Amino acid sequence: MNVAIRDYRMNLEQLKLKLTAVFEPAPEGGYTCHFEELPEVFSEGESLQEAKANLLDALTQVMEYHREEARKSGVPGAVREELQLAAS
């Protein structure tokens, strides 16, 4: 196996994406939430569990939107590779 390819795989396996979710009590009850690192991703929920589920759903929707928008203006011949990051 090519050394560069082996090193790439090792680095990808070591990569961990960490986001900080912030849950704040809402005056009307429940919680509002967002990611500190991605302020455009926010949501709410009646409980912490619901707020977390809604926040993860919002993250998925934002990522899908950006992916679709990027592909509209993609450069011909560009190489795309989806990388899956496991939650830690």
Protein backbone atom coordinates (compact mmCIF):
# COMPACT_ATOMS: atom_id res chain seq x y z
CA MET A 1 0.00 0.00 0.00
CA ASN A 2 1.25 3.47 -0.86
CA VAL A 3 2.61 5.25 2.25
CA ALA A 4 0.62 8.42 1.48
CA ILE A 5 -2.62 6.45 1.24
CA ARG A 6 -1.88 4.57 4.48
CA ASP A 7 -1.09 7.86 6.29
CA TYR A 8 -4.29 9.42 4.90
CA ARG A 9 -6.37 6.54 6.24
CA MET A 10 -4.68 6.69 9.62
CA ASN A 11 -5.30 10.44 9.89
CA LEU A 12 -8.94 10.04 8.85
CA GLU A 13 -9.46 7.35 11.48
CA GLN A 14 -7.99 9.64 14.13
CA LEU A 15 -10.14 12.61 13.10
CA LYS A 16 -12.90 13.44 15.54
CA LEU A 17 -15.31 16.28 15.11
CA LYS A 18 -16.42 17.85 18.35
CA LEU A 19 -19.14 20.48 18.58
CA THR A 20 -20.30 22.23 21.72
CA ALA A 21 -24.07 22.23 22.11
CA VAL A 22 -25.49 24.96 24.35
CA PHE A 23 -28.94 24.48 25.91
CA GLU A 24 -30.53 27.53 27.51
CA PRO A 25 -33.79 27.61 29.45
CA ALA A 26 -36.45 29.49 27.47
CA PRO A 27 -38.63 32.03 29.33
CA GLU A 28 -41.78 30.29 28.07
CA GLY A 29 -40.48 26.86 29.15
CA GLY A 30 -38.36 24.28 27.44
CA TYR A 31 -34.97 25.04 25.95
CA THR A 32 -33.41 26.87 23.06
CA CYS A 33 -30.16 25.43 21.73
CA HIS A 34 -27.33 26.01 19.30
CA PHE A 35 -23.78 24.95 18.52
CA GLU A 36 -21.12 27.43 19.65
CA GLU A 37 -19.01 26.64 16.58
CA LEU A 38 -21.93 26.82 14.11
CA PRO A 39 -24.25 29.66 15.16
CA GLU A 40 -26.47 29.15 12.10
CA VAL A 41 -27.54 25.79 13.54
CA PHE A 42 -30.12 26.29 16.28
CA SER A 43 -33.35 24.76 17.54
CA GLU A 44 -35.56 24.30 20.59
CA GLY A 45 -37.43 21.63 22.52
CA GLU A 46 -39.71 21.10 25.48
CA SER A 47 -37.10 18.90 27.20
CA LEU A 48 -33.31 18.58 26.96
CA GLN A 49 -33.74 15.29 25.11
CA GLU A 50 -36.14 16.83 22.57
CA ALA A 51 -33.94 19.91 22.16
CA LYS A 52 -30.89 17.72 21.49
CA ALA A 53 -32.76 15.61 18.92
CA ASN A 54 -34.04 18.78 17.22
CA LEU A 55 -30.56 20.32 17.22
CA LEU A 56 -29.06 17.24 15.55
CA ASP A 57 -31.88 17.35 12.99
CA ALA A 58 -31.13 21.04 12.33
CA LEU A 59 -27.44 20.19 11.82
CA THR A 60 -28.38 17.52 9.27
CA GLN A 61 -30.65 19.97 7.41
CA VAL A 62 -27.99 22.71 7.31
CA MET A 63 -25.37 20.26 6.04
CA GLU A 64 -27.73 18.97 3.33
CA TYR A 65 -28.56 22.54 2.26
CA HIS A 66 -24.88 23.53 1.97
CA ARG A 67 -24.08 20.31 0.08
CA GLU A 68 -26.86 20.98 -2.45
CA GLU A 69 -25.83 24.62 -2.89
CA ALA A 70 -22.16 23.71 -3.36
CA ARG A 71 -23.01 21.18 -6.06
CA LYS A 72 -24.96 23.78 -8.03
CA SER A 73 -21.80 25.78 -8.60
CA GLY A 74 -19.30 22.94 -8.64
CA VAL A 75 -16.23 23.04 -10.82
CA PRO A 76 -16.30 20.47 -13.65
CA GLY A 77 -13.84 17.69 -12.92
CA ALA A 78 -13.77 18.38 -9.18
CA VAL A 79 -13.29 15.29 -7.04
CA ARG A 80 -15.79 14.87 -4.24
CA GLU A 81 -15.40 12.44 -1.38
CA GLU A 82 -17.82 12.00 1.47
CA LEU A 83 -16.07 11.51 4.80
CA GLN A 84 -18.01 9.96 7.64
CA LEU A 85 -17.09 11.14 11.10
CA ALA A 86 -18.12 8.99 14.03
CA ALA A 87 -19.54 10.65 17.11
CA SER A 88 -17.34 10.24 20.12
